[in-house]
Amino acid sequence: MKPLYTFVSILVSIFAASLLSALIISLLFFSLPAVFYVVFVCFIGTAVFGAPISFLIHWLIKSERLHGFIFKLVLHIAAAAVLIMLLDGGNVNNIFVLIAAVINAIIYFIVYTCTRRYLFNER
């Protein structure tokens, strides 16, 4: 993939995944007015931690077949969980934060993959 396409895919994914994650997380755990706070937290977490880790995962695993897709998805979920555990000092005191991070990782992965495949015809 060309570097510009990768950069645009990452930017689109950060914004879209943060908004979609915030909507889902807010509707599952809070109420709709909480969306603004959750979108801010999701945006910061995705931009600072998620996007670089995702870029690394996609750079290391080049396969676009089904097994590569599943492996990348599992690595995104694991990376989110491990990151939250590391930031929480080795244990997760608030399971909500872990669930929210996993939801955000899954949505980021789906948006990034769809952006690359359908917007830039990258297979």
C-alpha atoms as a PDB file:
ATOM      1  CA  MET A   1       0.000   0.000   0.000  1.00  0.00           C
ATOM      2  CA  LYS A   2       1.267   3.449  -0.772  1.00  0.00           C
ATOM      3  CA  PRO A   3       2.312   5.532   2.256  1.00  0.00           C
ATOM      4  CA  LEU A   4      -0.332   8.204   1.569  1.00  0.00           C
ATOM      5  CA  TYR A   5      -3.094   5.576   1.452  1.00  0.00           C
ATOM      6  CA  THR A   6      -1.852   4.103   4.710  1.00  0.00           C
ATOM      7  CA  PHE A   7      -1.815   7.522   6.379  1.00  0.00           C
ATOM      8  CA  VAL A   8      -5.313   8.390   5.134  1.00  0.00           C
ATOM      9  CA  SER A   9      -6.618   4.961   6.187  1.00  0.00           C
ATOM     10  CA  ILE A  10      -5.196   5.451   9.667  1.00  0.00           C
ATOM     11  CA  LEU A  11      -6.704   8.953   9.995  1.00  0.00           C
ATOM     12  CA  VAL A  12     -10.123   7.842   8.777  1.00  0.00           C
ATOM     13  CA  SER A  13      -9.981   4.840  11.086  1.00  0.00           C
ATOM     14  CA  ILE A  14      -9.011   6.889  14.138  1.00  0.00           C
ATOM     15  CA  PHE A  15     -11.927   9.287  13.696  1.00  0.00           C
ATOM     16  CA  ALA A  16     -14.554   6.786  12.550  1.00  0.00           C
ATOM     17  CA  ALA A  17     -13.612   4.070  15.040  1.00  0.00           C
ATOM     18  CA  SER A  18     -13.537   6.531  17.914  1.00  0.00           C
ATOM     19  CA  LEU A  19     -17.018   7.781  17.077  1.00  0.00           C
ATOM     20  CA  LEU A  20     -18.500   4.323  16.454  1.00  0.00           C
ATOM     21  CA  SER A  21     -16.843   2.880  19.567  1.00  0.00           C
ATOM     22  CA  ALA A  22     -18.087   5.758  21.682  1.00  0.00           C
ATOM     23  CA  LEU A  23     -21.622   5.287  20.435  1.00  0.00           C
ATOM     24  CA  ILE A  24     -21.591   1.554  21.145  1.00  0.00           C
ATOM     25  CA  ILE A  25     -19.834   1.861  24.518  1.00  0.00           C
ATOM     26  CA  SER A  26     -22.107   4.699  25.626  1.00  0.00           C
ATOM     27  CA  LEU A  27     -25.250   2.859  24.633  1.00  0.00           C
ATOM     28  CA  LEU A  28     -24.093  -0.360  26.342  1.00  0.00           C
ATOM     29  CA  PHE A  29     -22.772   1.090  29.593  1.00  0.00           C
ATOM     30  CA  PHE A  30     -23.953   4.664  29.966  1.00  0.00           C
ATOM     31  CA  SER A  31     -26.460   6.827  28.230  1.00  0.00           C
ATOM     32  CA  LEU A  32     -26.281   8.750  24.985  1.00  0.00           C
ATOM     33  CA  PRO A  33     -25.093  12.026  26.623  1.00  0.00           C
ATOM     34  CA  ALA A  34     -21.943  10.214  27.765  1.00  0.00           C
ATOM     35  CA  VAL A  35     -20.908   9.861  24.127  1.00  0.00           C
ATOM     36  CA  PHE A  36     -18.920  13.111  24.132  1.00  0.00           C
ATOM     37  CA  TYR A  37     -16.699  12.029  27.019  1.00  0.00           C
ATOM     38  CA  VAL A  38     -16.294   8.498  25.664  1.00  0.00           C
ATOM     39  CA  VAL A  39     -15.466   9.700  22.136  1.00  0.00           C
ATOM     40  CA  PHE A  40     -12.728  11.905  23.591  1.00  0.00           C
ATOM     41  CA  VAL A  41     -11.231   9.021  25.576  1.00  0.00           C
ATOM     42  CA  CYS A  42     -11.524   6.639  22.603  1.00  0.00           C
ATOM     43  CA  PHE A  43      -9.935   9.185  20.269  1.00  0.00           C
ATOM     44  CA  ILE A  44      -6.937   9.782  22.548  1.00  0.00           C
ATOM     45  CA  GLY A  45      -6.443   6.068  23.213  1.00  0.00           C
ATOM     46  CA  THR A  46      -6.758   5.154  19.555  1.00  0.00           C
ATOM     47  CA  ALA A  47      -4.510   7.942  18.293  1.00  0.00           C
ATOM     48  CA  VAL A  48      -1.772   7.518  20.906  1.00  0.00           C
ATOM     49  CA  PHE A  49      -1.731   3.748  21.441  1.00  0.00           C
ATOM     50  CA  GLY A  50      -4.038   1.941  19.034  1.00  0.00           C
ATOM     51  CA  ALA A  51      -2.984   3.293  15.649  1.00  0.00           C
ATOM     52  CA  PRO A  52       0.769   2.698  16.089  1.00  0.00           C
ATOM     53  CA  ILE A  53       0.167  -0.830  17.412  1.00  0.00           C
ATOM     54  CA  SER A  54      -2.261  -1.547  14.580  1.00  0.00           C
ATOM     55  CA  PHE A  55       0.212  -0.251  12.010  1.00  0.00           C
ATOM     56  CA  LEU A  56       2.854  -2.570  13.468  1.00  0.00           C
ATOM     57  CA  ILE A  57       0.491  -5.560  13.369  1.00  0.00           C
ATOM     58  CA  HIS A  58      -0.436  -4.894   9.728  1.00  0.00           C
ATOM     59  CA  TRP A  59       3.203  -4.341   8.824  1.00  0.00           C
ATOM     60  CA  LEU A  60       4.278  -7.629  10.422  1.00  0.00           C
ATOM     61  CA  ILE A  61       1.429  -9.737   9.035  1.00  0.00           C
ATOM     62  CA  LYS A  62       1.069  -9.262   5.307  1.00  0.00           C
ATOM     63  CA  SER A  63      -1.453 -12.041   4.646  1.00  0.00           C
ATOM     64  CA  GLU A  64      -4.843 -10.846   3.436  1.00  0.00           C
ATOM     65  CA  ARG A  65      -6.372 -14.323   3.481  1.00  0.00           C
ATOM     66  CA  LEU A  66      -8.932 -15.394   6.067  1.00  0.00           C
ATOM     67  CA  HIS A  67      -6.349 -16.783   8.483  1.00  0.00           C
ATOM     68  CA  GLY A  68      -4.366 -13.527   8.277  1.00  0.00           C
ATOM     69  CA  PHE A  69      -7.526 -11.502   8.901  1.00  0.00           C
ATOM     70  CA  ILE A  70      -8.427 -13.588  11.965  1.00  0.00           C
ATOM     71  CA  PHE A  71      -4.860 -13.487  13.300  1.00  0.00           C
ATOM     72  CA  LYS A  72      -4.723  -9.693  12.951  1.00  0.00           C
ATOM     73  CA  LEU A  73      -8.093  -9.355  14.702  1.00  0.00           C
ATOM     74  CA  VAL A  74      -6.944 -11.569  17.584  1.00  0.00           C
ATOM     75  CA  LEU A  75      -3.708  -9.558  17.878  1.00  0.00           C
ATOM     76  CA  HIS A  76      -5.679  -6.287  17.995  1.00  0.00           C
ATOM     77  CA  ILE A  77      -7.860  -7.666  20.799  1.00  0.00           C
ATOM     78  CA  ALA A  78      -4.845  -9.022  22.685  1.00  0.00           C
ATOM     79  CA  ALA A  79      -2.919  -5.780  22.250  1.00  0.00           C
ATOM     80  CA  ALA A  80      -5.830  -3.772  23.672  1.00  0.00           C
ATOM     81  CA  ALA A  81      -6.164  -6.098  26.659  1.00  0.00           C
ATOM     82  CA  VAL A  82      -2.424  -6.179  27.373  1.00  0.00           C
ATOM     83  CA  LEU A  83      -2.144  -2.404  27.032  1.00  0.00           C
ATOM     84  CA  ILE A  84      -4.958  -1.838  29.517  1.00  0.00           C
ATOM     85  CA  MET A  85      -3.378  -4.305  31.941  1.00  0.00           C
ATOM     86  CA  LEU A  86       0.007  -2.587  31.622  1.00  0.00           C
ATOM     87  CA  LEU A  87      -1.530   0.841  32.164  1.00  0.00           C
ATOM     88  CA  ASP A  88      -3.436  -0.512  35.174  1.00  0.00           C
ATOM     89  CA  GLY A  89      -0.310  -1.909  36.831  1.00  0.00           C
ATOM     90  CA  GLY A  90      -0.652  -5.552  35.870  1.00  0.00           C
ATOM     91  CA  ASN A  91      -4.261  -6.136  36.831  1.00  0.00           C
ATOM     92  CA  VAL A  92      -7.582  -4.780  35.712  1.00  0.00           C
ATOM     93  CA  ASN A  93      -9.504  -3.188  38.546  1.00  0.00           C
ATOM     94  CA  ASN A  94     -12.234  -1.924  36.267  1.00  0.00           C
ATOM     95  CA  ILE A  95     -13.470  -4.564  33.824  1.00  0.00           C
ATOM     96  CA  PHE A  96     -15.431  -1.866  31.981  1.00  0.00           C
ATOM     97  CA  VAL A  97     -12.185  -0.255  30.796  1.00  0.00           C
ATOM     98  CA  LEU A  98     -10.970  -3.594  29.463  1.00  0.00           C
ATOM     99  CA  ILE A  99     -14.245  -4.277  27.636  1.00  0.00           C
ATOM    100  CA  ALA A 100     -14.294  -0.743  26.217  1.00  0.00           C
ATOM    101  CA  ALA A 101     -10.704  -1.097  24.958  1.00  0.00           C
ATOM    102  CA  VAL A 102     -11.516  -4.408  23.271  1.00  0.00           C
ATOM    103  CA  ILE A 103     -14.633  -2.941  21.622  1.00  0.00           C
ATOM    104  CA  ASN A 104     -12.558  -0.003  20.402  1.00  0.00           C
ATOM    105  CA  ALA A 105      -9.829  -2.328  19.069  1.00  0.00           C
ATOM    106  CA  ILE A 106     -12.321  -4.475  17.163  1.00  0.00           C
ATOM    107  CA  ILE A 107     -14.052  -1.491  15.603  1.00  0.00           C
ATOM    108  CA  TYR A 108     -10.746   0.188  14.717  1.00  0.00           C
ATOM    109  CA  PHE A 109      -9.573  -3.013  13.027  1.00  0.00           C
ATOM    110  CA  ILE A 110     -12.790  -3.377  11.035  1.00  0.00           C
ATOM    111  CA  VAL A 111     -12.821   0.277   9.937  1.00  0.00           C
ATOM    112  CA  TYR A 112      -9.115   0.205   9.006  1.00  0.00           C
ATOM    113  CA  THR A 113      -9.476  -3.034   7.043  1.00  0.00           C
ATOM    114  CA  CYS A 114     -12.598  -1.811   5.224  1.00  0.00           C
ATOM    115  CA  THR A 115     -10.960   1.535   4.438  1.00  0.00           C
ATOM    116  CA  ARG A 116      -7.950  -0.194   2.923  1.00  0.00           C
ATOM    117  CA  ARG A 117      -9.976  -2.741   0.987  1.00  0.00           C
ATOM    118  CA  TYR A 118     -12.923  -0.744  -0.267  1.00  0.00           C
ATOM    119  CA  LEU A 119     -11.743   2.862  -0.353  1.00  0.00           C
ATOM    120  CA  PHE A 120      -8.282   2.171  -1.784  1.00  0.00           C
ATOM    121  CA  ASN A 121      -8.940  -1.243  -3.395  1.00  0.00           C
ATOM    122  CA  GLU A 122      -6.058  -2.757  -1.443  1.00  0.00           C
ATOM    123  CA  ARG A 123      -6.258  -6.559  -1.342  1.00  0.00           C
END
